[in-house]
């Protein structure tokens, strides 16, 4: 997948979530006391770029309790398995 296609898919996903789920001026991902930015759970580094917007949308939509994220390989390294 090209970068342009990836950005387009993420933008469409965010627009869809906004239309289904929240008002554009609300920030549900920050109301529960969670960190303002998604972070890599293994490295404790802030995510950057388009990943921030995408992970904010996923976090709010699914009402996750943590803003810590792992890659597939990092999850495996901790003994985890990714579920689809």
PDB file of N, CA and C in Angstrom:
ATOM      1  N   UNK A   1       0.845  -1.168   0.000  1.00  0.00           N
ATOM      2  CA  UNK A   1       0.000   0.000   0.000  1.00  0.00           C
ATOM      3  C   UNK A   1       0.897   1.239   0.000  1.00  0.00           C
ATOM      4  N   UNK A   2       0.584   2.187  -0.849  1.00  0.00           N
ATOM      5  CA  UNK A   2       1.369   3.415  -0.910  1.00  0.00           C
ATOM      6  C   UNK A   2       1.032   4.312   0.274  1.00  0.00           C
ATOM      7  N   UNK A   3       1.918   5.263   0.562  1.00  0.00           N
ATOM      8  CA  UNK A   3       1.655   6.214   1.645  1.00  0.00           C
ATOM      9  C   UNK A   3       0.385   7.003   1.380  1.00  0.00           C
ATOM     10  N   UNK A   4       0.183   7.419   0.142  1.00  0.00           N
ATOM     11  CA  UNK A   4      -1.018   8.193  -0.196  1.00  0.00           C
ATOM     12  C   UNK A   4      -2.280   7.381   0.072  1.00  0.00           C
ATOM     13  N   UNK A   5      -2.261   6.111  -0.283  1.00  0.00           N
ATOM     14  CA  UNK A   5      -3.425   5.251  -0.042  1.00  0.00           C
ATOM     15  C   UNK A   5      -3.645   5.043   1.450  1.00  0.00           C
ATOM     16  N   UNK A   6      -2.549   4.868   2.201  1.00  0.00           N
ATOM     17  CA  UNK A   6      -2.662   4.699   3.646  1.00  0.00           C
ATOM     18  C   UNK A   6      -3.254   5.945   4.288  1.00  0.00           C
ATOM     19  N   UNK A   7      -2.740   7.128   3.925  1.00  0.00           N
ATOM     20  CA  UNK A   7      -3.255   8.381   4.482  1.00  0.00           C
ATOM     21  C   UNK A   7      -4.723   8.576   4.125  1.00  0.00           C
ATOM     22  N   UNK A   8      -5.090   8.222   2.907  1.00  0.00           N
ATOM     23  CA  UNK A   8      -6.478   8.338   2.478  1.00  0.00           C
ATOM     24  C   UNK A   8      -7.385   7.417   3.296  1.00  0.00           C
ATOM     25  N   UNK A   9      -6.950   6.185   3.506  1.00  0.00           N
ATOM     26  CA  UNK A   9      -7.731   5.236   4.313  1.00  0.00           C
ATOM     27  C   UNK A   9      -7.902   5.733   5.743  1.00  0.00           C
ATOM     28  N   UNK A  10      -6.838   6.242   6.335  1.00  0.00           N
ATOM     29  CA  UNK A  10      -6.910   6.740   7.711  1.00  0.00           C
ATOM     30  C   UNK A  10      -7.819   7.951   7.788  1.00  0.00           C
ATOM     31  N   UNK A  11      -7.700   8.879   6.831  1.00  0.00           N
ATOM     32  CA  UNK A  11      -8.557  10.066   6.822  1.00  0.00           C
ATOM     33  C   UNK A  11     -10.028   9.672   6.696  1.00  0.00           C
ATOM     34  N   UNK A  12     -10.329   8.733   5.806  1.00  0.00           N
ATOM     35  CA  UNK A  12     -11.709   8.265   5.653  1.00  0.00           C
ATOM     36  C   UNK A  12     -12.219   7.631   6.937  1.00  0.00           C
ATOM     37  N   UNK A  13     -11.370   6.865   7.614  1.00  0.00           N
ATOM     38  CA  UNK A  13     -11.750   6.224   8.872  1.00  0.00           C
ATOM     39  C   UNK A  13     -12.058   7.272   9.945  1.00  0.00           C
ATOM     40  N   UNK A  14     -11.229   8.289  10.044  1.00  0.00           N
ATOM     41  CA  UNK A  14     -11.445   9.341  11.041  1.00  0.00           C
ATOM     42  C   UNK A  14     -12.733  10.100  10.751  1.00  0.00           C
ATOM     43  N   UNK A  15     -12.970  10.443   9.494  1.00  0.00           N
ATOM     44  CA  UNK A  15     -14.213  11.138   9.123  1.00  0.00           C
ATOM     45  C   UNK A  15     -15.416  10.275   9.455  1.00  0.00           C
ATOM     46  N   UNK A  16     -15.352   8.991   9.156  1.00  0.00           N
ATOM     47  CA  UNK A  16     -16.459   8.076   9.470  1.00  0.00           C
ATOM     48  C   UNK A  16     -16.715   8.035  10.975  1.00  0.00           C
ATOM     49  N   UNK A  17     -15.644   7.950  11.769  1.00  0.00           N
ATOM     50  CA  UNK A  17     -15.813   7.909  13.220  1.00  0.00           C
ATOM     51  C   UNK A  17     -16.432   9.200  13.746  1.00  0.00           C
ATOM     52  N   UNK A  18     -15.997  10.329  13.210  1.00  0.00           N
ATOM     53  CA  UNK A  18     -16.566  11.606  13.634  1.00  0.00           C
ATOM     54  C   UNK A  18     -18.050  11.678  13.299  1.00  0.00           C
ATOM     55  N   UNK A  19     -18.421  11.189  12.144  1.00  0.00           N
ATOM     56  CA  UNK A  19     -19.821  11.226  11.749  1.00  0.00           C
ATOM     57  C   UNK A  19     -20.675  10.302  12.606  1.00  0.00           C
ATOM     58  N   UNK A  20     -20.120   9.160  13.010  1.00  0.00           N
ATOM     59  CA  UNK A  20     -20.887   8.173  13.774  1.00  0.00           C
ATOM     60  C   UNK A  20     -20.897   8.447  15.261  1.00  0.00           C
ATOM     61  N   UNK A  21     -19.831   9.053  15.772  1.00  0.00           N
ATOM     62  CA  UNK A  21     -19.571   8.905  17.182  1.00  0.00           C
ATOM     63  C   UNK A  21     -19.404  10.165  18.009  1.00  0.00           C
ATOM     64  N   UNK A  22     -18.882  11.242  17.499  1.00  0.00           N
ATOM     65  CA  UNK A  22     -18.604  12.382  18.358  1.00  0.00           C
ATOM     66  C   UNK A  22     -18.729  13.688  17.601  1.00  0.00           C
ATOM     67  N   UNK A  23     -18.831  14.753  18.350  1.00  0.00           N
ATOM     68  CA  UNK A  23     -18.818  16.083  17.760  1.00  0.00           C
ATOM     69  C   UNK A  23     -17.366  16.483  17.526  1.00  0.00           C
ATOM     70  N   UNK A  24     -17.072  17.198  16.441  1.00  0.00           N
ATOM     71  CA  UNK A  24     -15.680  17.525  16.130  1.00  0.00           C
ATOM     72  C   UNK A  24     -14.967  18.345  17.209  1.00  0.00           C
ATOM     73  N   UNK A  25     -15.714  19.061  18.049  1.00  0.00           N
ATOM     74  CA  UNK A  25     -15.059  19.894  19.053  1.00  0.00           C
ATOM     75  C   UNK A  25     -14.834  19.153  20.373  1.00  0.00           C
ATOM     76  N   UNK A  26     -15.253  17.907  20.485  1.00  0.00           N
ATOM     77  CA  UNK A  26     -15.016  17.121  21.685  1.00  0.00           C
ATOM     78  C   UNK A  26     -13.749  16.287  21.543  1.00  0.00           C
ATOM     79  N   UNK A  27     -13.104  16.014  22.644  1.00  0.00           N
ATOM     80  CA  UNK A  27     -11.883  15.194  22.661  1.00  0.00           C
ATOM     81  C   UNK A  27     -12.060  14.066  23.669  1.00  0.00           C
ATOM     82  N   UNK A  28     -12.839  13.030  23.378  1.00  0.00           N
ATOM     83  CA  UNK A  28     -13.120  11.988  24.356  1.00  0.00           C
ATOM     84  C   UNK A  28     -11.886  11.203  24.780  1.00  0.00           C
ATOM     85  N   UNK A  29     -10.825  11.216  23.984  1.00  0.00           N
ATOM     86  CA  UNK A  29      -9.639  10.456  24.346  1.00  0.00           C
ATOM     87  C   UNK A  29      -8.879  11.095  25.485  1.00  0.00           C
ATOM     88  N   UNK A  30      -9.181  12.354  25.846  1.00  0.00           N
ATOM     89  CA  UNK A  30      -8.448  13.019  26.924  1.00  0.00           C
ATOM     90  C   UNK A  30      -9.313  13.249  28.163  1.00  0.00           C
ATOM     91  N   UNK A  31     -10.595  12.941  28.105  1.00  0.00           N
ATOM     92  CA  UNK A  31     -11.498  13.238  29.216  1.00  0.00           C
ATOM     93  C   UNK A  31     -11.359  12.282  30.392  1.00  0.00           C
ATOM     94  N   UNK A  32     -10.818  11.120  30.179  1.00  0.00           N
ATOM     95  CA  UNK A  32     -10.770  10.127  31.253  1.00  0.00           C
ATOM     96  C   UNK A  32      -9.452  10.129  32.013  1.00  0.00           C
ATOM     97  N   UNK A  33      -8.644  11.168  31.828  1.00  0.00           N
ATOM     98  CA  UNK A  33      -7.382  11.246  32.548  1.00  0.00           C
ATOM     99  C   UNK A  33      -6.236  10.516  31.879  1.00  0.00           C
ATOM    100  N   UNK A  34      -6.477   9.969  30.690  1.00  0.00           N
ATOM    101  CA  UNK A  34      -5.412   9.256  29.988  1.00  0.00           C
ATOM    102  C   UNK A  34      -4.413  10.257  29.419  1.00  0.00           C
ATOM    103  N   UNK A  35      -3.220   9.805  29.091  1.00  0.00           N
ATOM    104  CA  UNK A  35      -2.239  10.708  28.491  1.00  0.00           C
ATOM    105  C   UNK A  35      -2.784  11.324  27.211  1.00  0.00           C
ATOM    106  N   UNK A  36      -2.335  12.502  26.883  1.00  0.00           N
ATOM    107  CA  UNK A  36      -2.822  13.185  25.701  1.00  0.00           C
ATOM    108  C   UNK A  36      -2.349  12.576  24.399  1.00  0.00           C
ATOM    109  N   UNK A  37      -1.197  11.933  24.400  1.00  0.00           N
ATOM    110  CA  UNK A  37      -0.659  11.367  23.173  1.00  0.00           C
ATOM    111  C   UNK A  37      -0.485   9.860  23.297  1.00  0.00           C
ATOM    112  N   UNK A  38      -0.774   9.137  22.211  1.00  0.00           N
ATOM    113  CA  UNK A  38      -0.484   7.707  22.203  1.00  0.00           C
ATOM    114  C   UNK A  38       1.022   7.496  22.349  1.00  0.00           C
ATOM    115  N   UNK A  39       1.382   6.433  23.046  1.00  0.00           N
ATOM    116  CA  UNK A  39       2.789   6.129  23.263  1.00  0.00           C
ATOM    117  C   UNK A  39       3.064   4.667  22.943  1.00  0.00           C
ATOM    118  N   UNK A  40       4.285   4.405  22.508  1.00  0.00           N
ATOM    119  CA  UNK A  40       4.728   3.035  22.311  1.00  0.00           C
ATOM    120  C   UNK A  40       4.937   2.431  23.698  1.00  0.00           C
ATOM    121  N   UNK A  41       4.238   1.361  23.992  1.00  0.00           N
ATOM    122  CA  UNK A  41       4.282   0.752  25.318  1.00  0.00           C
ATOM    123  C   UNK A  41       5.606   0.111  25.666  1.00  0.00           C
ATOM    124  N   UNK A  42       6.373  -0.296  24.681  1.00  0.00           N
ATOM    125  CA  UNK A  42       7.667  -0.935  24.939  1.00  0.00           C
ATOM    126  C   UNK A  42       8.768   0.106  25.112  1.00  0.00           C
ATOM    127  N   UNK A  43       8.734   1.131  24.291  1.00  0.00           N
ATOM    128  CA  UNK A  43       9.807   2.133  24.311  1.00  0.00           C
ATOM    129  C   UNK A  43       9.455   3.393  25.092  1.00  0.00           C
ATOM    130  N   UNK A  44       8.183   3.552  25.440  1.00  0.00           N
ATOM    131  CA  UNK A  44       7.695   4.746  26.152  1.00  0.00           C
ATOM    132  C   UNK A  44       8.013   6.033  25.404  1.00  0.00           C
ATOM    133  N   UNK A  45       7.897   5.967  24.074  1.00  0.00           N
ATOM    134  CA  UNK A  45       8.090   7.139  23.221  1.00  0.00           C
ATOM    135  C   UNK A  45       6.749   7.506  22.611  1.00  0.00           C
ATOM    136  N   UNK A  46       6.528   8.817  22.451  1.00  0.00           N
ATOM    137  CA  UNK A  46       5.296   9.283  21.837  1.00  0.00           C
ATOM    138  C   UNK A  46       5.219   8.863  20.379  1.00  0.00           C
ATOM    139  N   UNK A  47       4.025   8.498  19.953  1.00  0.00           N
ATOM    140  CA  UNK A  47       3.800   8.224  18.543  1.00  0.00           C
ATOM    141  C   UNK A  47       3.829   9.551  17.791  1.00  0.00           C
ATOM    142  N   UNK A  48       4.048   9.497  16.492  1.00  0.00           N
ATOM    143  CA  UNK A  48       4.175  10.707  15.698  1.00  0.00           C
ATOM    144  C   UNK A  48       3.353  10.628  14.433  1.00  0.00           C
ATOM    145  N   UNK A  49       3.182  11.783  13.816  1.00  0.00           N
ATOM    146  CA  UNK A  49       2.550  11.873  12.500  1.00  0.00           C
ATOM    147  C   UNK A  49       1.101  11.430  12.486  1.00  0.00           C
ATOM    148  N   UNK A  50       0.718  10.829  11.383  1.00  0.00           N
ATOM    149  CA  UNK A  50      -0.660  10.391  11.168  1.00  0.00           C
ATOM    150  C   UNK A  50      -1.068   9.335  12.179  1.00  0.00           C
ATOM    151  N   UNK A  51      -0.098   8.610  12.748  1.00  0.00           N
ATOM    152  CA  UNK A  51      -0.420   7.588  13.749  1.00  0.00           C
ATOM    153  C   UNK A  51      -1.137   8.192  14.952  1.00  0.00           C
ATOM    154  N   UNK A  52      -0.787   9.417  15.335  1.00  0.00           N
ATOM    155  CA  UNK A  52      -1.430  10.054  16.485  1.00  0.00           C
ATOM    156  C   UNK A  52      -2.930  10.187  16.231  1.00  0.00           C
ATOM    157  N   UNK A  53      -3.308  10.733  15.085  1.00  0.00           N
ATOM    158  CA  UNK A  53      -4.732  10.909  14.775  1.00  0.00           C
ATOM    159  C   UNK A  53      -5.461   9.573  14.702  1.00  0.00           C
ATOM    160  N   UNK A  54      -4.826   8.623  14.044  1.00  0.00           N
ATOM    161  CA  UNK A  54      -5.462   7.311  13.901  1.00  0.00           C
ATOM    162  C   UNK A  54      -5.637   6.622  15.255  1.00  0.00           C
ATOM    163  N   UNK A  55      -4.604   6.638  16.085  1.00  0.00           N
ATOM    164  CA  UNK A  55      -4.692   5.966  17.383  1.00  0.00           C
ATOM    165  C   UNK A  55      -5.642   6.695  18.326  1.00  0.00           C
ATOM    166  N   UNK A  56      -5.725   8.023  18.238  1.00  0.00           N
ATOM    167  CA  UNK A  56      -6.724   8.751  19.030  1.00  0.00           C
ATOM    168  C   UNK A  56      -8.125   8.281  18.651  1.00  0.00           C
ATOM    169  N   UNK A  57      -8.378   8.174  17.354  1.00  0.00           N
ATOM    170  CA  UNK A  57      -9.705   7.756  16.901  1.00  0.00           C
ATOM    171  C   UNK A  57     -10.029   6.343  17.365  1.00  0.00           C
ATOM    172  N   UNK A  58      -9.084   5.432  17.228  1.00  0.00           N
ATOM    173  CA  UNK A  58      -9.299   4.041  17.657  1.00  0.00           C
ATOM    174  C   UNK A  58      -9.495   3.983  19.172  1.00  0.00           C
ATOM    175  N   UNK A  59      -8.684   4.726  19.910  1.00  0.00           N
ATOM    176  CA  UNK A  59      -8.778   4.771  21.372  1.00  0.00           C
ATOM    177  C   UNK A  59     -10.168   5.228  21.815  1.00  0.00           C
ATOM    178  N   UNK A  60     -10.637   6.324  21.236  1.00  0.00           N
ATOM    179  CA  UNK A  60     -11.948   6.856  21.621  1.00  0.00           C
ATOM    180  C   UNK A  60     -13.097   5.970  21.183  1.00  0.00           C
ATOM    181  N   UNK A  61     -13.012   5.446  19.984  1.00  0.00           N
ATOM    182  CA  UNK A  61     -14.099   4.621  19.458  1.00  0.00           C
ATOM    183  C   UNK A  61     -14.290   3.358  20.281  1.00  0.00           C
ATOM    184  N   UNK A  62     -13.197   2.713  20.651  1.00  0.00           N
ATOM    185  CA  UNK A  62     -13.280   1.463  21.404  1.00  0.00           C
ATOM    186  C   UNK A  62     -13.276   1.685  22.913  1.00  0.00           C
ATOM    187  N   UNK A  63     -13.114   2.925  23.336  1.00  0.00           N
ATOM    188  CA  UNK A  63     -13.091   3.291  24.758  1.00  0.00           C
ATOM    189  C   UNK A  63     -12.045   2.483  25.523  1.00  0.00           C
ATOM    190  N   UNK A  64     -10.851   2.392  24.950  1.00  0.00           N
ATOM    191  CA  UNK A  64      -9.759   1.716  25.629  1.00  0.00           C
ATOM    192  C   UNK A  64      -9.360   2.496  26.870  1.00  0.00           C
ATOM    193  N   UNK A  65      -8.742   1.842  27.816  1.00  0.00           N
ATOM    194  CA  UNK A  65      -8.352   2.500  29.067  1.00  0.00           C
ATOM    195  C   UNK A  65      -6.894   2.946  29.066  1.00  0.00           C
ATOM    196  N   UNK A  66      -6.166   2.655  28.010  1.00  0.00           N
ATOM    197  CA  UNK A  66      -4.743   3.005  27.964  1.00  0.00           C
ATOM    198  C   UNK A  66      -4.377   3.566  26.599  1.00  0.00           C
ATOM    199  N   UNK A  67      -3.434   4.489  26.592  1.00  0.00           N
ATOM    200  CA  UNK A  67      -2.911   5.060  25.356  1.00  0.00           C
ATOM    201  C   UNK A  67      -1.574   4.423  24.993  1.00  0.00           C
ATOM    202  N   UNK A  68      -1.262   3.269  25.551  1.00  0.00           N
ATOM    203  CA  UNK A  68      -0.025   2.562  25.227  1.00  0.00           C
ATOM    204  C   UNK A  68      -0.300   1.568  24.108  1.00  0.00           C
ATOM    205  N   UNK A  69       0.548   1.563  23.093  1.00  0.00           N
ATOM    206  CA  UNK A  69       0.363   0.726  21.922  1.00  0.00           C
ATOM    207  C   UNK A  69       1.634  -0.056  21.657  1.00  0.00           C
ATOM    208  N   UNK A  70       1.474  -1.250  21.081  1.00  0.00           N
ATOM    209  CA  UNK A  70       2.610  -2.101  20.730  1.00  0.00           C
ATOM    210  C   UNK A  70       2.527  -2.477  19.255  1.00  0.00           C
ATOM    211  N   UNK A  71       3.686  -2.742  18.660  1.00  0.00           N
ATOM    212  CA  UNK A  71       3.685  -3.337  17.335  1.00  0.00           C
ATOM    213  C   UNK A  71       3.408  -4.828  17.497  1.00  0.00           C
ATOM    214  N   UNK A  72       3.146  -5.488  16.397  1.00  0.00           N
ATOM    215  CA  UNK A  72       2.895  -6.926  16.446  1.00  0.00           C
ATOM    216  C   UNK A  72       4.091  -7.662  17.041  1.00  0.00           C
ATOM    217  N   UNK A  73       5.292  -7.321  16.581  1.00  0.00           N
ATOM    218  CA  UNK A  73       6.492  -8.000  17.086  1.00  0.00           C
ATOM    219  C   UNK A  73       6.728  -7.703  18.562  1.00  0.00           C
ATOM    220  N   UNK A  74       6.442  -6.475  18.998  1.00  0.00           N
ATOM    221  CA  UNK A  74       6.596  -6.152  20.420  1.00  0.00           C
ATOM    222  C   UNK A  74       5.622  -6.968  21.255  1.00  0.00           C
ATOM    223  N   UNK A  75       4.414  -7.120  20.770  1.00  0.00           N
ATOM    224  CA  UNK A  75       3.409  -7.928  21.474  1.00  0.00           C
ATOM    225  C   UNK A  75       3.883  -9.370  21.617  1.00  0.00           C
ATOM    226  N   UNK A  76       4.409  -9.917  20.541  1.00  0.00           N
ATOM    227  CA  UNK A  76       4.937 -11.284  20.593  1.00  0.00           C
ATOM    228  C   UNK A  76       6.085 -11.383  21.597  1.00  0.00           C
ATOM    229  N   UNK A  77       6.935 -10.372  21.635  1.00  0.00           N
ATOM    230  CA  UNK A  77       8.063 -10.365  22.555  1.00  0.00           C
ATOM    231  C   UNK A  77       7.638 -10.405  24.010  1.00  0.00           C
ATOM    232  N   UNK A  78       6.442  -9.870  24.309  1.00  0.00           N
ATOM    233  CA  UNK A  78       5.917  -9.904  25.664  1.00  0.00           C
ATOM    234  C   UNK A  78       5.047 -11.141  25.910  1.00  0.00           C
ATOM    235  N   UNK A  79       5.013 -12.032  24.919  1.00  0.00           N
ATOM    236  CA  UNK A  79       4.224 -13.251  25.063  1.00  0.00           C
ATOM    237  C   UNK A  79       2.770 -13.083  24.671  1.00  0.00           C
ATOM    238  N   UNK A  80       2.443 -11.988  24.021  1.00  0.00           N
ATOM    239  CA  UNK A  80       1.064 -11.711  23.628  1.00  0.00           C
ATOM    240  C   UNK A  80       0.753 -12.197  22.238  1.00  0.00           C
ATOM    241  N   UNK A  81      -0.528 -12.165  21.895  1.00  0.00           N
ATOM    242  CA  UNK A  81      -0.977 -12.517  20.558  1.00  0.00           C
ATOM    243  C   UNK A  81      -2.031 -11.498  20.153  1.00  0.00           C
ATOM    244  N   UNK A  82      -1.908 -10.968  18.962  1.00  0.00           N
ATOM    245  CA  UNK A  82      -2.838  -9.972  18.451  1.00  0.00           C
ATOM    246  C   UNK A  82      -4.114 -10.657  17.985  1.00  0.00           C
ATOM    247  N   UNK A  83      -5.248 -10.127  18.412  1.00  0.00           N
ATOM    248  CA  UNK A  83      -6.541 -10.646  17.962  1.00  0.00           C
ATOM    249  C   UNK A  83      -7.120  -9.693  16.927  1.00  0.00           C
ATOM    250  N   UNK A  84      -7.740 -10.249  15.917  1.00  0.00           N
ATOM    251  CA  UNK A  84      -8.359  -9.414  14.873  1.00  0.00           C
ATOM    252  C   UNK A  84      -9.783  -9.079  15.248  1.00  0.00           C
TER     253      UNK A  84
END
